[in-house]
Structure formats: structure tokens, C-alpha cells
Amino acid sequence: MAHAAVNMTVSCNIGKITGQTLAQTVAQFALGTAGQIHTINVIGPEFSVVLTGGPANTEVPIQAWVFLH
């Protein structure tokens, strides 16, 4: 299946995400193919990455790594 290029935003959230949310957005950037590495210090109990801004039912293949230490 071919994937169309889309203009989307990546948001990274840290905090209490499940139930009554107490999380905040700690990074926001355009989704791109430049291979730029974004480093975020995760200091909360939960971490999420959310893609927004694309058309409904859009499939976007992404590759991401989360390193915990």
C-alpha cells in the first residue's frame, strides 16, 4: 500500500495520562523524514506520542525508539 505524504504534528506528553489526566505536552514538532533525533527527559509515570493534523483514517508508517535508563 502506498502512503501519501501528510502534514502532521507530533506531540509528546508526560504525566498521568490514564483516567483523570494530569499530563502536559513537553515537545511538539512537525512529522518529517529528516531523521532528526528529539531528546526528552521523561520524568512522569506515563509517556505518550500523539500524531495530529492528518486526514481521517490516514495510515502513516513511523519508526520511533524510546530508550529508558
C-alpha atoms as a PDB file:
ATOM      1  CA  MET A   1       0.000   0.000   0.000  1.00  0.00           C
ATOM      2  CA  ALA A   2       1.360   3.427  -0.916  1.00  0.00           C
ATOM      3  CA  HIS A   3       1.262   6.061   1.789  1.00  0.00           C
ATOM      4  CA  ALA A   4       0.524   9.672   0.924  1.00  0.00           C
ATOM      5  CA  ALA A   5       2.660  12.429   2.419  1.00  0.00           C
ATOM      6  CA  VAL A   6       0.724  14.267   5.106  1.00  0.00           C
ATOM      7  CA  ASN A   7       1.285  17.416   7.123  1.00  0.00           C
ATOM      8  CA  MET A   8       1.065  16.210  10.716  1.00  0.00           C
ATOM      9  CA  THR A   9       2.243  17.275  14.156  1.00  0.00           C
ATOM     10  CA  VAL A  10       3.877  15.054  16.777  1.00  0.00           C
ATOM     11  CA  SER A  11       3.083  15.818  20.435  1.00  0.00           C
ATOM     12  CA  CYS A  12       4.926  14.166  23.335  1.00  0.00           C
ATOM     13  CA  ASN A  13       3.118  14.130  26.671  1.00  0.00           C
ATOM     14  CA  ILE A  14       4.384  13.198  30.126  1.00  0.00           C
ATOM     15  CA  GLY A  15       2.490  12.747  33.375  1.00  0.00           C
ATOM     16  CA  LYS A  16      -0.603  10.830  34.439  1.00  0.00           C
ATOM     17  CA  ILE A  17      -2.279  10.079  31.106  1.00  0.00           C
ATOM     18  CA  THR A  18      -4.828   7.406  32.029  1.00  0.00           C
ATOM     19  CA  GLY A  19      -8.002   8.183  33.969  1.00  0.00           C
ATOM     20  CA  GLN A  20      -8.163  11.800  35.106  1.00  0.00           C
ATOM     21  CA  THR A  21      -5.321  13.310  33.088  1.00  0.00           C
ATOM     22  CA  LEU A  22      -2.616  15.375  34.778  1.00  0.00           C
ATOM     23  CA  ALA A  23      -0.216  15.246  31.838  1.00  0.00           C
ATOM     24  CA  GLN A  24       1.340  18.083  29.906  1.00  0.00           C
ATOM     25  CA  THR A  25       2.835  18.412  26.437  1.00  0.00           C
ATOM     26  CA  VAL A  26       6.635  18.598  26.698  1.00  0.00           C
ATOM     27  CA  ALA A  27       7.520  18.644  22.996  1.00  0.00           C
ATOM     28  CA  GLN A  28       5.716  19.369  19.741  1.00  0.00           C
ATOM     29  CA  PHE A  29       7.204  19.248  16.243  1.00  0.00           C
ATOM     30  CA  ALA A  30       6.297  18.586  12.613  1.00  0.00           C
ATOM     31  CA  LEU A  31       6.357  14.965  11.471  1.00  0.00           C
ATOM     32  CA  GLY A  32       9.112  14.671   8.891  1.00  0.00           C
ATOM     33  CA  THR A  33      11.518  12.299   7.222  1.00  0.00           C
ATOM     34  CA  ALA A  34      14.723  14.170   8.056  1.00  0.00           C
ATOM     35  CA  GLY A  35      15.645  11.670  10.762  1.00  0.00           C
ATOM     36  CA  GLN A  36      16.099  14.347  13.414  1.00  0.00           C
ATOM     37  CA  ILE A  37      16.507  12.949  16.940  1.00  0.00           C
ATOM     38  CA  HIS A  38      14.408  14.554  19.669  1.00  0.00           C
ATOM     39  CA  THR A  39      15.566  14.014  23.245  1.00  0.00           C
ATOM     40  CA  ILE A  40      13.073  14.360  26.095  1.00  0.00           C
ATOM     41  CA  ASN A  41      13.683  13.692  29.790  1.00  0.00           C
ATOM     42  CA  VAL A  42      10.750  11.540  30.879  1.00  0.00           C
ATOM     43  CA  ILE A  43      10.062  12.453  34.499  1.00  0.00           C
ATOM     44  CA  GLY A  44       6.482  11.244  34.856  1.00  0.00           C
ATOM     45  CA  PRO A  45       4.800   7.909  35.328  1.00  0.00           C
ATOM     46  CA  GLU A  46       3.491   7.771  31.729  1.00  0.00           C
ATOM     47  CA  PHE A  47       4.682   8.950  28.304  1.00  0.00           C
ATOM     48  CA  SER A  48       2.690   9.208  25.060  1.00  0.00           C
ATOM     49  CA  VAL A  49       3.335  10.233  21.483  1.00  0.00           C
ATOM     50  CA  VAL A  50       0.323  11.547  19.541  1.00  0.00           C
ATOM     51  CA  LEU A  51       0.080  12.340  15.817  1.00  0.00           C
ATOM     52  CA  THR A  52      -2.467  15.020  14.846  1.00  0.00           C
ATOM     53  CA  GLY A  53      -3.452  17.040  11.801  1.00  0.00           C
ATOM     54  CA  GLY A  54      -3.830  14.324   9.177  1.00  0.00           C
ATOM     55  CA  PRO A  55      -6.981  13.426   7.292  1.00  0.00           C
ATOM     56  CA  ALA A  56      -9.300  10.878   8.923  1.00  0.00           C
ATOM     57  CA  ASN A  57      -8.255   7.211   8.563  1.00  0.00           C
ATOM     58  CA  THR A  58      -4.775   8.107   7.283  1.00  0.00           C
ATOM     59  CA  GLU A  59      -2.103   5.430   7.652  1.00  0.00           C
ATOM     60  CA  VAL A  60       1.333   6.864   8.385  1.00  0.00           C
ATOM     61  CA  PRO A  61       4.273   4.481   8.827  1.00  0.00           C
ATOM     62  CA  ILE A  62       6.588   5.794  11.531  1.00  0.00           C
ATOM     63  CA  GLN A  63       9.637   4.385  13.219  1.00  0.00           C
ATOM     64  CA  ALA A  64      10.425   5.514  16.742  1.00  0.00           C
ATOM     65  CA  TRP A  65      12.629   4.436  19.593  1.00  0.00           C
ATOM     66  CA  VAL A  66      12.159   5.073  23.277  1.00  0.00           C
ATOM     67  CA  PHE A  67      15.229   4.392  25.405  1.00  0.00           C
ATOM     68  CA  LEU A  68      14.716   4.100  29.145  1.00  0.00           C
ATOM     69  CA  HIS A  69      17.592   4.057  31.580  1.00  0.00           C
END
